[in-house]
Every structure is written in structure tokens, then in C-alpha cells.
């Protein structure tokens, strides 16, 4: 009985450790997508923070990107 219990625990641990696939992955396939991704005019600005004289930190969202 004890060996059956250990076998079931081992079997359960093997099947519970499966890799899950990501179905909602955003794919960038061409240069137009890259230009759209890095263009600041496509982002809804949420916060601008001036760090020093030459650096401005801008936070915003564009669909799935932040």
C-alpha cells in the first residue's frame, strides 16, 4: 500500500510539471510594426518625469505594451 501511494505521488508530480504554452504572444514581423512600436505618438502618456537637464522619463501604454 505504501509503495502504491509513493507511485501515485511520483506519477502526479510528473504530469503536473508540464510546460505551458503562451498563446497571446505579440509577433513583430516587419519594419512597420517596429516603427509603430517605438513611435511615442502611438502611446497614451500617463506620466512624464524630468530626471535631470537632458533626461525625461515618459511612461505610457500602447495596447499590450507599457
Protein backbone atom coordinates (compact mmCIF):
# COMPACT_ATOMS: atom_id res chain seq x y z
CA UNK A 1 0.00 0.00 0.00
CA UNK A 2 2.85 2.35 0.85
CA UNK A 3 4.61 1.71 -2.49
CA UNK A 4 1.34 2.34 -4.39
CA UNK A 5 0.93 5.66 -2.58
CA UNK A 6 4.52 6.70 -3.45
CA UNK A 7 3.97 5.63 -7.08
CA UNK A 8 0.83 7.77 -7.33
CA UNK A 9 2.62 10.79 -5.82
CA UNK A 10 5.51 10.37 -8.28
CA UNK A 11 3.11 9.99 -11.22
CA UNK A 12 1.14 13.06 -10.17
CA UNK A 13 4.28 15.17 -9.82
CA UNK A 14 5.50 14.17 -13.29
CA UNK A 15 2.25 15.13 -15.01
CA UNK A 16 1.82 18.37 -13.08
CA UNK A 17 5.22 19.70 -14.23
CA UNK A 18 4.35 20.29 -17.87
CA UNK A 19 5.41 23.41 -19.73
CA UNK A 20 2.53 25.74 -20.54
CA UNK A 21 2.41 27.42 -23.94
CA UNK A 22 1.88 31.14 -24.35
CA UNK A 23 -0.93 31.72 -26.83
CA UNK A 24 -1.14 35.50 -26.66
CA UNK A 25 2.33 36.41 -27.93
CA UNK A 26 2.64 39.63 -29.92
CA UNK A 27 4.74 38.94 -33.02
CA UNK A 28 6.70 41.69 -34.74
CA UNK A 29 7.29 40.61 -38.31
CA UNK A 30 8.16 43.70 -40.32
CA UNK A 31 9.74 47.15 -40.02
CA UNK A 32 6.35 48.90 -40.00
CA UNK A 33 5.45 47.11 -36.77
CA UNK A 34 8.76 48.17 -35.23
CA UNK A 35 8.24 51.81 -36.21
CA UNK A 36 4.74 51.71 -34.74
CA UNK A 37 6.04 50.13 -31.54
CA UNK A 38 8.76 52.74 -30.90
CA UNK A 39 6.84 55.84 -32.01
CA UNK A 40 5.87 57.92 -28.96
CA UNK A 41 2.83 59.43 -30.69
CA UNK A 42 1.12 56.00 -30.57
CA UNK A 43 1.32 55.81 -26.77
CA UNK A 44 -1.16 57.24 -24.32
CA UNK A 45 1.08 59.21 -21.96
CA UNK A 46 0.42 58.58 -18.32
CA UNK A 47 3.39 60.27 -16.65
CA UNK A 48 6.36 62.47 -17.55
CA UNK A 49 9.20 62.82 -15.07
CA UNK A 50 12.24 65.05 -15.53
CA UNK A 51 15.29 63.24 -14.15
CA UNK A 52 17.93 65.87 -14.94
CA UNK A 53 18.60 68.57 -17.57
CA UNK A 54 18.80 66.17 -20.50
CA UNK A 55 16.78 63.09 -19.46
CA UNK A 56 12.99 62.90 -19.47
CA UNK A 57 11.32 59.64 -18.32
CA UNK A 58 7.99 59.06 -20.11
CA UNK A 59 5.59 56.28 -19.11
CA UNK A 60 2.73 55.29 -21.38
CA UNK A 61 0.69 52.43 -22.82
CA UNK A 62 0.13 51.18 -26.36
CA UNK A 63 -2.13 48.14 -26.41
CA UNK A 64 -0.16 45.31 -24.81
CA UNK A 65 3.00 47.41 -24.37
CA UNK A 66 3.97 49.70 -21.47
